PDB file of N, CA and C in Angstrom:
ATOM      1  N   MET A   1      34.863   3.735 -19.179  1.00  0.00           N
ATOM      2  CA  MET A   1      36.274   3.511 -18.953  1.00  0.00           C
ATOM      3  C   MET A   1      37.072   4.239 -20.026  1.00  0.00           C
ATOM      4  N   HIS A   2      38.181   4.843 -19.613  1.00  0.00           N
ATOM      5  CA  HIS A   2      39.017   5.625 -20.516  1.00  0.00           C
ATOM      6  C   HIS A   2      40.210   4.817 -20.978  1.00  0.00           C
ATOM      7  N   ASN A   3      40.541   5.005 -22.227  1.00  0.00           N
ATOM      8  CA  ASN A   3      41.744   4.407 -22.777  1.00  0.00           C
ATOM      9  C   ASN A   3      42.942   5.116 -22.137  1.00  0.00           C
ATOM     10  N   SER A   4      43.898   4.356 -21.616  1.00  0.00           N
ATOM     11  CA  SER A   4      45.035   4.972 -20.913  1.00  0.00           C
ATOM     12  C   SER A   4      45.887   5.838 -21.824  1.00  0.00           C
ATOM     13  N   SER A   5      45.811   5.626 -23.136  1.00  0.00           N
ATOM     14  CA  SER A   5      46.598   6.447 -24.047  1.00  0.00           C
ATOM     15  C   SER A   5      45.851   7.712 -24.467  1.00  0.00           C
ATOM     16  N   ASP A   6      44.608   7.846 -24.033  1.00  0.00           N
ATOM     17  CA  ASP A   6      43.795   9.016 -24.374  1.00  0.00           C
ATOM     18  C   ASP A   6      43.431   9.758 -23.089  1.00  0.00           C
ATOM     19  N   ALA A   7      44.221  10.767 -22.769  1.00  0.00           N
ATOM     20  CA  ALA A   7      44.009  11.508 -21.527  1.00  0.00           C
ATOM     21  C   ALA A   7      42.886  12.521 -21.635  1.00  0.00           C
ATOM     22  N   SER A   8      42.329  12.713 -22.825  1.00  0.00           N
ATOM     23  CA  SER A   8      41.292  13.734 -22.992  1.00  0.00           C
ATOM     24  C   SER A   8      40.087  13.467 -22.107  1.00  0.00           C
ATOM     25  N   GLY A   9      39.783  12.205 -21.842  1.00  0.00           N
ATOM     26  CA  GLY A   9      38.653  11.886 -20.974  1.00  0.00           C
ATOM     27  C   GLY A   9      38.893  12.257 -19.526  1.00  0.00           C
ATOM     28  N   LEU A  10      40.128  12.482 -19.171  1.00  0.00           N
ATOM     29  CA  LEU A  10      40.468  12.850 -17.798  1.00  0.00           C
ATOM     30  C   LEU A  10      40.521  14.355 -17.599  1.00  0.00           C
ATOM     31  N   LYS A  11      40.370  15.109 -18.653  1.00  0.00           N
ATOM     32  CA  LYS A  11      40.541  16.563 -18.597  1.00  0.00           C
ATOM     33  C   LYS A  11      39.382  17.266 -17.896  1.00  0.00           C
ATOM     34  N   GLY A  12      38.210  16.701 -17.924  1.00  0.00           N
ATOM     35  CA  GLY A  12      37.098  17.341 -17.225  1.00  0.00           C
ATOM     36  C   GLY A  12      36.292  18.252 -18.113  1.00  0.00           C
ATOM     37  N   ARG A  13      36.109  19.468 -17.686  1.00  0.00           N
ATOM     38  CA  ARG A  13      35.211  20.434 -18.322  1.00  0.00           C
ATOM     39  C   ARG A  13      35.590  20.768 -19.756  1.00  0.00           C
ATOM     40  N   ARG A  14      34.612  21.371 -20.434  1.00  0.00           N
ATOM     41  CA  ARG A  14      34.823  21.827 -21.804  1.00  0.00           C
ATOM     42  C   ARG A  14      34.355  23.263 -21.930  1.00  0.00           C
ATOM     43  N   GLY A  15      34.678  23.868 -23.055  1.00  0.00           N
ATOM     44  CA  GLY A  15      34.184  25.201 -23.368  1.00  0.00           C
ATOM     45  C   GLY A  15      34.815  26.283 -22.519  1.00  0.00           C
ATOM     46  N   VAL A  16      34.005  27.276 -22.182  1.00  0.00           N
ATOM     47  CA  VAL A  16      34.482  28.456 -21.457  1.00  0.00           C
ATOM     48  C   VAL A  16      35.008  28.084 -20.075  1.00  0.00           C
ATOM     49  N   VAL A  17      34.368  27.153 -19.409  1.00  0.00           N
ATOM     50  CA  VAL A  17      34.822  26.743 -18.072  1.00  0.00           C
ATOM     51  C   VAL A  17      36.235  26.178 -18.153  1.00  0.00           C
ATOM     52  N   ARG A  18      36.498  25.357 -19.168  1.00  0.00           N
ATOM     53  CA  ARG A  18      37.834  24.798 -19.335  1.00  0.00           C
ATOM     54  C   ARG A  18      38.852  25.897 -19.588  1.00  0.00           C
ATOM     55  N   ILE A  19      38.491  26.877 -20.405  1.00  0.00           N
ATOM     56  CA  ILE A  19      39.394  27.988 -20.715  1.00  0.00           C
ATOM     57  C   ILE A  19      39.691  28.794 -19.454  1.00  0.00           C
ATOM     58  N   LEU A  20      38.663  29.060 -18.658  1.00  0.00           N
ATOM     59  CA  LEU A  20      38.859  29.814 -17.417  1.00  0.00           C
ATOM     60  C   LEU A  20      39.739  29.050 -16.436  1.00  0.00           C
ATOM     61  N   ARG A  21      39.507  27.753 -16.326  1.00  0.00           N
ATOM     62  CA  ARG A  21      40.347  26.948 -15.429  1.00  0.00           C
ATOM     63  C   ARG A  21      41.785  26.907 -15.933  1.00  0.00           C
ATOM     64  N   ALA A  22      41.965  26.756 -17.234  1.00  0.00           N
ATOM     65  CA  ALA A  22      43.316  26.734 -17.804  1.00  0.00           C
ATOM     66  C   ALA A  22      44.022  28.059 -17.527  1.00  0.00           C
ATOM     67  N   PHE A  23      43.289  29.165 -17.640  1.00  0.00           N
ATOM     68  CA  PHE A  23      43.868  30.471 -17.336  1.00  0.00           C
ATOM     69  C   PHE A  23      44.303  30.537 -15.872  1.00  0.00           C
ATOM     70  N   GLY A  24      43.486  29.997 -14.990  1.00  0.00           N
ATOM     71  CA  GLY A  24      43.835  29.955 -13.565  1.00  0.00           C
ATOM     72  C   GLY A  24      45.082  29.127 -13.315  1.00  0.00           C
ATOM     73  N   TYR A  25      45.199  27.993 -14.017  1.00  0.00           N
ATOM     74  CA  TYR A  25      46.392  27.160 -13.876  1.00  0.00           C
ATOM     75  C   TYR A  25      47.623  27.897 -14.389  1.00  0.00           C
ATOM     76  N   SER A  26      47.446  28.638 -15.461  1.00  0.00           N
ATOM     77  CA  SER A  26      48.559  29.417 -16.018  1.00  0.00           C
ATOM     78  C   SER A  26      49.014  30.485 -15.026  1.00  0.00           C
ATOM     79  N   LEU A  27      48.067  31.175 -14.415  1.00  0.00           N
ATOM     80  CA  LEU A  27      48.424  32.174 -13.406  1.00  0.00           C
ATOM     81  C   LEU A  27      49.133  31.529 -12.220  1.00  0.00           C
ATOM     82  N   ALA A  28      48.669  30.346 -11.822  1.00  0.00           N
ATOM     83  CA  ALA A  28      49.328  29.626 -10.723  1.00  0.00           C
ATOM     84  C   ALA A  28      50.762  29.270 -11.107  1.00  0.00           C
ATOM     85  N   GLY A  29      50.977  28.900 -12.367  1.00  0.00           N
ATOM     86  CA  GLY A  29      52.324  28.591 -12.834  1.00  0.00           C
ATOM     87  C   GLY A  29      53.221  29.807 -12.818  1.00  0.00           C
ATOM     88  N   LEU A  30      52.689  30.949 -13.265  1.00  0.00           N
ATOM     89  CA  LEU A  30      53.471  32.192 -13.222  1.00  0.00           C
ATOM     90  C   LEU A  30      53.805  32.571 -11.781  1.00  0.00           C
ATOM     91  N   ARG A  31      52.832  32.423 -10.890  1.00  0.00           N
ATOM     92  CA  ARG A  31      53.044  32.727  -9.472  1.00  0.00           C
ATOM     93  C   ARG A  31      54.123  31.810  -8.893  1.00  0.00           C
ATOM     94  N   ALA A  32      54.039  30.522  -9.195  1.00  0.00           N
ATOM     95  CA  ALA A  32      55.029  29.564  -8.688  1.00  0.00           C
ATOM     96  C   ALA A  32      56.419  29.898  -9.211  1.00  0.00           C
ATOM     97  N   ALA A  33      56.511  30.266 -10.488  1.00  0.00           N
ATOM     98  CA  ALA A  33      57.811  30.624 -11.058  1.00  0.00           C
ATOM     99  C   ALA A  33      58.357  31.884 -10.404  1.00  0.00           C
ATOM    100  N   PHE A  34      57.494  32.867 -10.193  1.00  0.00           N
ATOM    101  CA  PHE A  34      57.950  34.128  -9.608  1.00  0.00           C
ATOM    102  C   PHE A  34      58.465  33.920  -8.191  1.00  0.00           C
ATOM    103  N   PHE A  35      57.720  33.191  -7.388  1.00  0.00           N
ATOM    104  CA  PHE A  35      58.112  33.030  -5.987  1.00  0.00           C
ATOM    105  C   PHE A  35      59.130  31.912  -5.765  1.00  0.00           C
ATOM    106  N   GLY A  36      59.231  30.969  -6.711  1.00  0.00           N
ATOM    107  CA  GLY A  36      60.094  29.827  -6.483  1.00  0.00           C
ATOM    108  C   GLY A  36      61.353  29.765  -7.327  1.00  0.00           C
ATOM    109  N   GLU A  37      61.477  30.644  -8.315  1.00  0.00           N
ATOM    110  CA  GLU A  37      62.604  30.548  -9.241  1.00  0.00           C
ATOM    111  C   GLU A  37      63.311  31.899  -9.390  1.00  0.00           C
ATOM    112  N   ALA A  38      64.505  32.001  -8.844  1.00  0.00           N
ATOM    113  CA  ALA A  38      65.273  33.240  -8.938  1.00  0.00           C
ATOM    114  C   ALA A  38      65.579  33.593 -10.392  1.00  0.00           C
ATOM    115  N   ALA A  39      65.869  32.583 -11.218  1.00  0.00           N
ATOM    116  CA  ALA A  39      66.180  32.846 -12.630  1.00  0.00           C
ATOM    117  C   ALA A  39      64.982  33.480 -13.341  1.00  0.00           C
ATOM    118  N   PHE A  40      63.776  33.059 -13.005  1.00  0.00           N
ATOM    119  CA  PHE A  40      62.584  33.650 -13.613  1.00  0.00           C
ATOM    120  C   PHE A  40      62.463  35.117 -13.210  1.00  0.00           C
ATOM    121  N   ARG A  41      62.705  35.408 -11.937  1.00  0.00           N
ATOM    122  CA  ARG A  41      62.642  36.803 -11.470  1.00  0.00           C
ATOM    123  C   ARG A  41      63.700  37.658 -12.159  1.00  0.00           C
ATOM    124  N   GLN A  42      64.894  37.107 -12.362  1.00  0.00           N
ATOM    125  CA  GLN A  42      65.957  37.854 -13.050  1.00  0.00           C
ATOM    126  C   GLN A  42      65.570  38.146 -14.501  1.00  0.00           C
ATOM    127  N   LEU A  43      65.004  37.159 -15.173  1.00  0.00           N
ATOM    128  CA  LEU A  43      64.568  37.372 -16.560  1.00  0.00           C
ATOM    129  C   LEU A  43      63.389  38.333 -16.629  1.00  0.00           C
ATOM    130  N   LEU A  44      62.525  38.276 -15.644  1.00  0.00           N
ATOM    131  CA  LEU A  44      61.404  39.215 -15.586  1.00  0.00           C
ATOM    132  C   LEU A  44      61.934  40.642 -15.435  1.00  0.00           C
ATOM    133  N   LEU A  45      62.936  40.825 -14.606  1.00  0.00           N
ATOM    134  CA  LEU A  45      63.558  42.139 -14.442  1.00  0.00           C
ATOM    135  C   LEU A  45      64.179  42.605 -15.758  1.00  0.00           C
ATOM    136  N   LEU A  46      64.889  41.702 -16.442  1.00  0.00           N
ATOM    137  CA  LEU A  46      65.462  42.039 -17.748  1.00  0.00           C
ATOM    138  C   LEU A  46      64.361  42.482 -18.711  1.00  0.00           C
ATOM    139  N   ASN A  47      63.245  41.750 -18.712  1.00  0.00           N
ATOM    140  CA  ASN A  47      62.113  42.108 -19.571  1.00  0.00           C
ATOM    141  C   ASN A  47      61.526  43.465 -19.178  1.00  0.00           C
ATOM    142  N   LEU A  48      61.381  43.711 -17.885  1.00  0.00           N
ATOM    143  CA  LEU A  48      60.823  44.986 -17.436  1.00  0.00           C
ATOM    144  C   LEU A  48      61.719  46.165 -17.798  1.00  0.00           C
ATOM    145  N   LEU A  49      63.018  45.927 -17.878  1.00  0.00           N
ATOM    146  CA  LEU A  49      63.949  46.982 -18.275  1.00  0.00           C
ATOM    147  C   LEU A  49      63.983  47.185 -19.787  1.00  0.00           C
ATOM    148  N   LEU A  50      64.010  46.088 -20.548  1.00  0.00           N
ATOM    149  CA  LEU A  50      64.200  46.191 -21.987  1.00  0.00           C
ATOM    150  C   LEU A  50      62.918  46.369 -22.803  1.00  0.00           C
ATOM    151  N   LEU A  51      61.786  45.867 -22.308  1.00  0.00           N
ATOM    152  CA  LEU A  51      60.545  46.021 -23.086  1.00  0.00           C
ATOM    153  C   LEU A  51      60.197  47.488 -23.336  1.00  0.00           C
ATOM    154  N   PRO A  52      60.265  48.358 -22.329  1.00  0.00           N
ATOM    155  CA  PRO A  52      59.991  49.774 -22.621  1.00  0.00           C
ATOM    156  C   PRO A  52      60.989  50.355 -23.622  1.00  0.00           C
ATOM    157  N   VAL A  53      62.245  49.927 -23.529  1.00  0.00           N
ATOM    158  CA  VAL A  53      63.264  50.408 -24.460  1.00  0.00           C
ATOM    159  C   VAL A  53      62.876  50.026 -25.891  1.00  0.00           C
ATOM    160  N   ALA A  54      62.363  48.816 -26.062  1.00  0.00           N
ATOM    161  CA  ALA A  54      61.961  48.351 -27.397  1.00  0.00           C
ATOM    162  C   ALA A  54      60.901  49.275 -28.008  1.00  0.00           C
ATOM    163  N   PHE A  55      60.060  49.861 -27.168  1.00  0.00           N
ATOM    164  CA  PHE A  55      59.010  50.746 -27.678  1.00  0.00           C
ATOM    165  C   PHE A  55      59.482  52.189 -27.835  1.00  0.00           C
ATOM    166  N   LEU A  56      60.606  52.520 -27.256  1.00  0.00           N
ATOM    167  CA  LEU A  56      61.159  53.863 -27.389  1.00  0.00           C
ATOM    168  C   LEU A  56      62.128  53.988 -28.566  1.00  0.00           C
ATOM    169  N   LEU A  57      62.648  52.874 -29.026  1.00  0.00           N
ATOM    170  CA  LEU A  57      63.615  52.896 -30.125  1.00  0.00           C
ATOM    171  C   LEU A  57      62.941  53.265 -31.442  1.00  0.00           C
ATOM    172  N   ASP A  58      63.688  53.962 -32.268  1.00  0.00           N
ATOM    173  CA  ASP A  58      63.208  54.324 -33.604  1.00  0.00           C
ATOM    174  C   ASP A  58      63.533  53.175 -34.561  1.00  0.00           C
ATOM    175  N   VAL A  59      62.683  52.153 -34.536  1.00  0.00           N
ATOM    176  CA  VAL A  59      62.875  50.973 -35.384  1.00  0.00           C
ATOM    177  C   VAL A  59      61.547  50.656 -36.074  1.00  0.00           C
ATOM    178  N   SER A  60      61.604  49.791 -37.068  1.00  0.00           N
ATOM    179  CA  SER A  60      60.379  49.390 -37.764  1.00  0.00           C
ATOM    180  C   SER A  60      59.508  48.525 -36.843  1.00  0.00           C
ATOM    181  N   ARG A  61      58.267  48.350 -37.253  1.00  0.00           N
ATOM    182  CA  ARG A  61      57.364  47.503 -36.455  1.00  0.00           C
ATOM    183  C   ARG A  61      57.868  46.066 -36.411  1.00  0.00           C
ATOM    184  N   ALA A  62      58.413  45.586 -37.512  1.00  0.00           N
ATOM    185  CA  ALA A  62      58.943  44.221 -37.536  1.00  0.00           C
ATOM    186  C   ALA A  62      60.133  44.083 -36.591  1.00  0.00           C
ATOM    187  N   GLU A  63      61.015  45.061 -36.579  1.00  0.00           N
ATOM    188  CA  GLU A  63      62.161  45.027 -35.673  1.00  0.00           C
ATOM    189  C   GLU A  63      61.692  45.092 -34.222  1.00  0.00           C
ATOM    190  N   ARG A  64      60.726  45.949 -33.949  1.00  0.00           N
ATOM    191  CA  ARG A  64      60.185  46.051 -32.587  1.00  0.00           C
ATOM    192  C   ARG A  64      59.567  44.723 -32.157  1.00  0.00           C
ATOM    193  N   ALA A  65      58.844  44.107 -33.067  1.00  0.00           N
ATOM    194  CA  ALA A  65      58.230  42.808 -32.755  1.00  0.00           C
ATOM    195  C   ALA A  65      59.301  41.776 -32.418  1.00  0.00           C
ATOM    196  N   LEU A  66      60.397  41.771 -33.158  1.00  0.00           N
ATOM    197  CA  LEU A  66      61.495  40.838 -32.871  1.00  0.00           C
ATOM    198  C   LEU A  66      62.141  41.127 -31.515  1.00  0.00           C
ATOM    199  N   LEU A  67      62.343  42.407 -31.221  1.00  0.00           N
ATOM    200  CA  LEU A  67      62.934  42.777 -29.933  1.00  0.00           C
ATOM    201  C   LEU A  67      62.065  42.277 -28.772  1.00  0.00           C
ATOM    202  N   VAL A  68      60.766  42.445 -28.916  1.00  0.00           N
ATOM    203  CA  VAL A  68      59.826  42.019 -27.865  1.00  0.00           C
ATOM    204  C   VAL A  68      59.737  40.495 -27.827  1.00  0.00           C
ATOM    205  N   LEU A  69      59.631  39.885 -28.984  1.00  0.00           N
ATOM    206  CA  LEU A  69      59.454  38.437 -29.061  1.00  0.00           C
ATOM    207  C   LEU A  69      60.588  37.678 -28.393  1.00  0.00           C
ATOM    208  N   VAL A  70      61.833  38.054 -28.666  1.00  0.00           N
ATOM    209  CA  VAL A  70      62.950  37.310 -28.071  1.00  0.00           C
ATOM    210  C   VAL A  70      62.995  37.484 -26.556  1.00  0.00           C
ATOM    211  N   LEU A  71      62.569  38.642 -26.069  1.00  0.00           N
ATOM    212  CA  LEU A  71      62.526  38.832 -24.619  1.00  0.00           C
ATOM    213  C   LEU A  71      61.470  37.937 -23.976  1.00  0.00           C
ATOM    214  N   LEU A  72      60.273  37.929 -24.555  1.00  0.00           N
ATOM    215  CA  LEU A  72      59.210  37.091 -24.008  1.00  0.00           C
ATOM    216  C   LEU A  72      59.547  35.610 -24.135  1.00  0.00           C
ATOM    217  N   LEU A  73      60.270  35.266 -25.187  1.00  0.00           N
ATOM    218  CA  LEU A  73      60.673  33.878 -25.383  1.00  0.00           C
ATOM    219  C   LEU A  73      61.553  33.392 -24.234  1.00  0.00           C
ATOM    220  N   THR A  74      62.399  34.254 -23.691  1.00  0.00           N
ATOM    221  CA  THR A  74      63.250  33.832 -22.566  1.00  0.00           C
ATOM    222  C   THR A  74      62.404  33.458 -21.355  1.00  0.00           C
ATOM    223  N   LEU A  75      61.293  34.171 -21.156  1.00  0.00           N
ATOM    224  CA  LEU A  75      60.403  33.831 -20.037  1.00  0.00           C
ATOM    225  C   LEU A  75      59.746  32.472 -20.272  1.00  0.00           C
ATOM    226  N   ALA A  76      59.293  32.234 -21.494  1.00  0.00           N
ATOM    227  CA  ALA A  76      58.666  30.951 -21.812  1.00  0.00           C
ATOM    228  C   ALA A  76      59.662  29.810 -21.648  1.00  0.00           C
ATOM    229  N   ILE A  77      60.886  30.016 -22.119  1.00  0.00           N
ATOM    230  CA  ILE A  77      61.910  28.979 -21.990  1.00  0.00           C
ATOM    231  C   ILE A  77      62.200  28.709 -20.520  1.00  0.00           C
ATOM    232  N   GLU A  78      62.266  29.753 -19.711  1.00  0.00           N
ATOM    233  CA  GLU A  78      62.554  29.559 -18.287  1.00  0.00           C
ATOM    234  C   GLU A  78      61.417  28.816 -17.596  1.00  0.00           C
ATOM    235  N   LEU A  79      60.190  29.079 -17.989  1.00  0.00           N
ATOM    236  CA  LEU A  79      59.066  28.335 -17.419  1.00  0.00           C
ATOM    237  C   LEU A  79      59.189  26.846 -17.751  1.00  0.00           C
ATOM    238  N   LEU A  80      59.532  26.528 -18.987  1.00  0.00           N
ATOM    239  CA  LEU A  80      59.709  25.131 -19.382  1.00  0.00           C
ATOM    240  C   LEU A  80      60.911  24.502 -18.683  1.00  0.00           C
ATOM    241  N   ASN A  81      62.000  25.242 -18.570  1.00  0.00           N
ATOM    242  CA  ASN A  81      63.187  24.749 -17.876  1.00  0.00           C
ATOM    243  C   ASN A  81      62.856  24.446 -16.413  1.00  0.00           C
ATOM    244  N   SER A  82      62.137  25.337 -15.773  1.00  0.00           N
ATOM    245  CA  SER A  82      61.761  25.119 -14.375  1.00  0.00           C
ATOM    246  C   SER A  82      60.812  23.930 -14.242  1.00  0.00           C
ATOM    247  N   ALA A  83      59.925  23.758 -15.215  1.00  0.00           N
ATOM    248  CA  ALA A  83      59.012  22.610 -15.193  1.00  0.00           C
ATOM    249  C   ALA A  83      59.795  21.305 -15.324  1.00  0.00           C
ATOM    250  N   ILE A  84      60.775  21.285 -16.214  1.00  0.00           N
ATOM    251  CA  ILE A  84      61.617  20.093 -16.368  1.00  0.00           C
ATOM    252  C   ILE A  84      62.317  19.777 -15.052  1.00  0.00           C
ATOM    253  N   GLU A  85      62.896  20.794 -14.438  1.00  0.00           N
ATOM    254  CA  GLU A  85      63.596  20.587 -13.170  1.00  0.00           C
ATOM    255  C   GLU A  85      62.655  20.068 -12.090  1.00  0.00           C
ATOM    256  N   ALA A  86      61.448  20.609 -12.036  1.00  0.00           N
ATOM    257  CA  ALA A  86      60.484  20.175 -11.026  1.00  0.00           C
ATOM    258  C   ALA A  86      60.090  18.711 -11.235  1.00  0.00           C
ATOM    259  N   VAL A  87      59.852  18.333 -12.474  1.00  0.00           N
ATOM    260  CA  VAL A  87      59.472  16.943 -12.755  1.00  0.00           C
ATOM    261  C   VAL A  87      60.617  15.994 -12.430  1.00  0.00           C
ATOM    262  N   VAL A  88      61.828  16.352 -12.826  1.00  0.00           N
ATOM    263  CA  VAL A  88      62.978  15.501 -12.533  1.00  0.00           C
ATOM    264  C   VAL A  88      63.133  15.345 -11.025  1.00  0.00           C
ATOM    265  N   ASP A  89      63.018  16.438 -10.285  1.00  0.00           N
ATOM    266  CA  ASP A  89      63.156  16.377  -8.831  1.00  0.00           C
ATOM    267  C   ASP A  89      61.996  15.599  -8.195  1.00  0.00           C
ATOM    268  N   ARG A  90      60.815  15.680  -8.791  1.00  0.00           N
ATOM    269  CA  ARG A  90      59.660  14.938  -8.282  1.00  0.00           C
ATOM    270  C   ARG A  90      59.863  13.439  -8.437  1.00  0.00           C
ATOM    271  N   VAL A  91      60.448  13.053  -9.557  1.00  0.00           N
ATOM    272  CA  VAL A  91      60.680  11.633  -9.821  1.00  0.00           C
ATOM    273  C   VAL A  91      61.704  11.090  -8.836  1.00  0.00           C
ATOM    274  N   SER A  92      62.799  11.822  -8.652  1.00  0.00           N
ATOM    275  CA  SER A  92      63.824  11.379  -7.714  1.00  0.00           C
ATOM    276  C   SER A  92      64.860  12.477  -7.522  1.00  0.00           C
ATOM    277  N   LEU A  93      65.286  12.652  -6.289  1.00  0.00           N
ATOM    278  CA  LEU A  93      66.367  13.588  -6.002  1.00  0.00           C
ATOM    279  C   LEU A  93      67.728  12.903  -6.121  1.00  0.00           C
ATOM    280  N   GLU A  94      67.702  11.607  -6.395  1.00  0.00           N
ATOM    281  CA  GLU A  94      68.933  10.850  -6.581  1.00  0.00           C
ATOM    282  C   GLU A  94      69.676  11.356  -7.817  1.00  0.00           C
ATOM    283  N   LEU A  95      70.998  11.479  -7.688  1.00  0.00           N
ATOM    284  CA  LEU A  95      71.805  11.879  -8.839  1.00  0.00           C
ATOM    285  C   LEU A  95      71.792  10.760  -9.870  1.00  0.00           C
ATOM    286  N   HIS A  96      71.423  11.128 -11.089  1.00  0.00           N
ATOM    287  CA  HIS A  96      71.352  10.136 -12.160  1.00  0.00           C
ATOM    288  C   HIS A  96      71.749  10.821 -13.463  1.00  0.00           C
ATOM    289  N   PRO A  97      72.488  10.129 -14.322  1.00  0.00           N
ATOM    290  CA  PRO A  97      72.932  10.755 -15.577  1.00  0.00           C
ATOM    291  C   PRO A  97      71.777  11.281 -16.440  1.00  0.00           C
ATOM    292  N   LEU A  98      70.649  10.581 -16.476  1.00  0.00           N
ATOM    293  CA  LEU A  98      69.516  11.057 -17.282  1.00  0.00           C
ATOM    294  C   LEU A  98      68.880  12.301 -16.669  1.00  0.00           C
ATOM    295  N   SER A  99      68.838  12.366 -15.355  1.00  0.00           N
ATOM    296  CA  SER A  99      68.320  13.565 -14.685  1.00  0.00           C
ATOM    297  C   SER A  99      69.217  14.754 -14.992  1.00  0.00           C
ATOM    298  N   LYS A 100      70.520  14.538 -14.900  1.00  0.00           N
ATOM    299  CA  LYS A 100      71.474  15.607 -15.212  1.00  0.00           C
ATOM    300  C   LYS A 100      71.319  16.053 -16.657  1.00  0.00           C
ATOM    301  N   ARG A 101      71.164  15.090 -17.560  1.00  0.00           N
ATOM    302  CA  ARG A 101      71.021  15.423 -18.977  1.00  0.00           C
ATOM    303  C   ARG A 101      69.772  16.276 -19.204  1.00  0.00           C
ATOM    304  N   ALA A 102      68.661  15.891 -18.597  1.00  0.00           N
ATOM    305  CA  ALA A 102      67.425  16.649 -18.774  1.00  0.00           C
ATOM    306  C   ALA A 102      67.577  18.078 -18.252  1.00  0.00           C
ATOM    307  N   LYS A 103      68.155  18.213 -17.072  1.00  0.00           N
ATOM    308  CA  LYS A 103      68.338  19.548 -16.493  1.00  0.00           C
ATOM    309  C   LYS A 103      69.334  20.378 -17.308  1.00  0.00           C
ATOM    310  N   ASP A 104      70.405  19.757 -17.756  1.00  0.00           N
ATOM    311  CA  ASP A 104      71.393  20.473 -18.565  1.00  0.00           C
ATOM    312  C   ASP A 104      70.798  20.932 -19.888  1.00  0.00           C
ATOM    313  N   MET A 105      69.958  20.104 -20.486  1.00  0.00           N
ATOM    314  CA  MET A 105      69.327  20.483 -21.752  1.00  0.00           C
ATOM    315  C   MET A 105      68.359  21.646 -21.564  1.00  0.00           C
ATOM    316  N   GLY A 106      67.626  21.646 -20.458  1.00  0.00           N
ATOM    317  CA  GLY A 106      66.755  22.782 -20.162  1.00  0.00           C
ATOM    318  C   GLY A 106      67.553  24.054 -19.992  1.00  0.00           C
ATOM    319  N   SER A 107      68.671  23.944 -19.304  1.00  0.00           N
ATOM    320  CA  SER A 107      69.555  25.093 -19.123  1.00  0.00           C
ATOM    321  C   SER A 107      70.142  25.548 -20.455  1.00  0.00           C
ATOM    322  N   ALA A 108      70.497  24.602 -21.300  1.00  0.00           N
ATOM    323  CA  ALA A 108      71.047  24.937 -22.618  1.00  0.00           C
ATOM    324  C   ALA A 108      69.999  25.669 -23.466  1.00  0.00           C
ATOM    325  N   ALA A 109      68.746  25.264 -23.335  1.00  0.00           N
ATOM    326  CA  ALA A 109      67.677  25.949 -24.070  1.00  0.00           C
ATOM    327  C   ALA A 109      67.611  27.419 -23.654  1.00  0.00           C
ATOM    328  N   GLN A 110      67.789  27.672 -22.362  1.00  0.00           N
ATOM    329  CA  GLN A 110      67.761  29.057 -21.899  1.00  0.00           C
ATOM    330  C   GLN A 110      68.974  29.822 -22.407  1.00  0.00           C
ATOM    331  N   LEU A 111      70.120  29.169 -22.462  1.00  0.00           N
ATOM    332  CA  LEU A 111      71.314  29.815 -23.013  1.00  0.00           C
ATOM    333  C   LEU A 111      71.076  30.214 -24.467  1.00  0.00           C
ATOM    334  N   VAL A 112      70.473  29.324 -25.245  1.00  0.00           N
ATOM    335  CA  VAL A 112      70.162  29.641 -26.641  1.00  0.00           C
ATOM    336  C   VAL A 112      69.200  30.831 -26.704  1.00  0.00           C
ATOM    337  N   GLY A 113      68.212  30.856 -25.818  1.00  0.00           N
ATOM    338  CA  GLY A 113      67.279  31.991 -25.781  1.00  0.00           C
ATOM    339  C   GLY A 113      67.988  33.301 -25.488  1.00  0.00           C
ATOM    340  N   LEU A 114      68.897  33.286 -24.541  1.00  0.00           N
ATOM    341  CA  LEU A 114      69.631  34.505 -24.198  1.00  0.00           C
ATOM    342  C   LEU A 114      70.575  34.926 -25.326  1.00  0.00           C
ATOM    343  N   LEU A 115      71.157  33.944 -26.014  1.00  0.00           N
ATOM    344  CA  LEU A 115      71.984  34.269 -27.179  1.00  0.00           C
ATOM    345  C   LEU A 115      71.140  34.904 -28.278  1.00  0.00           C
ATOM    346  N   MET A 116      69.902  34.447 -28.428  1.00  0.00           N
ATOM    347  CA  MET A 116      68.999  35.062 -29.410  1.00  0.00           C
ATOM    348  C   MET A 116      68.697  36.509 -29.034  1.00  0.00           C
ATOM    349  N   VAL A 117      68.516  36.771 -27.748  1.00  0.00           N
ATOM    350  CA  VAL A 117      68.287  38.157 -27.303  1.00  0.00           C
ATOM    351  C   VAL A 117      69.491  39.011 -27.692  1.00  0.00           C
ATOM    352  N   ALA A 118      70.674  38.534 -27.363  1.00  0.00           N
ATOM    353  CA  ALA A 118      71.886  39.300 -27.678  1.00  0.00           C
ATOM    354  C   ALA A 118      72.043  39.503 -29.182  1.00  0.00           C
ATOM    355  N   LEU A 119      71.789  38.465 -29.951  1.00  0.00           N
ATOM    356  CA  LEU A 119      71.935  38.547 -31.401  1.00  0.00           C
ATOM    357  C   LEU A 119      70.917  39.514 -32.012  1.00  0.00           C
ATOM    358  N   VAL A 120      69.665  39.358 -31.668  1.00  0.00           N
ATOM    359  CA  VAL A 120      68.610  40.214 -32.252  1.00  0.00           C
ATOM    360  C   VAL A 120      68.803  41.660 -31.817  1.00  0.00           C
ATOM    361  N   TRP A 121      68.993  41.895 -30.537  1.00  0.00           N
ATOM    362  CA  TRP A 121      69.177  43.263 -30.053  1.00  0.00           C
ATOM    363  C   TRP A 121      70.446  43.871 -30.653  1.00  0.00           C
ATOM    364  N   GLY A 122      71.508  43.056 -30.702  1.00  0.00           N
ATOM    365  CA  GLY A 122      72.758  43.566 -31.282  1.00  0.00           C
ATOM    366  C   GLY A 122      72.610  43.918 -32.752  1.00  0.00           C
ATOM    367  N   CYS A 123      71.983  43.055 -33.525  1.00  0.00           N
ATOM    368  CA  CYS A 123      71.805  43.309 -34.969  1.00  0.00           C
ATOM    369  C   CYS A 123      70.949  44.540 -35.217  1.00  0.00           C
ATOM    370  N   ILE A 124      69.925  44.721 -34.411  1.00  0.00           N
ATOM    371  CA  ILE A 124      69.012  45.840 -34.627  1.00  0.00           C
ATOM    372  C   ILE A 124      69.612  47.164 -34.132  1.00  0.00           C
ATOM    373  N   LEU A 125      70.341  47.126 -33.023  1.00  0.00           N
ATOM    374  CA  LEU A 125      70.872  48.362 -32.445  1.00  0.00           C
ATOM    375  C   LEU A 125      72.194  48.795 -33.051  1.00  0.00           C
ATOM    376  N   LEU A 126      72.973  47.857 -33.550  1.00  0.00           N
ATOM    377  CA  LEU A 126      74.311  48.208 -34.045  1.00  0.00           C
ATOM    378  C   LEU A 126      74.320  48.397 -35.550  1.00  0.00           C
TER     379      LEU A 126
END
């Protein structure tokens, strides 16, 4: 019997099999975001446009790393934002102040990510 506060016993496999399954789940998440979330596709397009630019610019390796990092961070934030929205909608589609707060906070996190892109790219390019 598993302790309800210890979910590790419910995880299943260990070692390489667990890593391979986790990778498969990650790919499924990326696929779901791509096909189900317009905002993810828009950010992916932004990344596809700006990532090559980051490698063409005459900047230091540290600056290039920052340019790339903030772009990839927007994708990670959008994945988390979409996950929050999915969980809230799964719990209930009823309008509720806590549901709105959770969704608004996820959206705010993405706004902060996009502001970081603008700030880092602006500081490095200007």
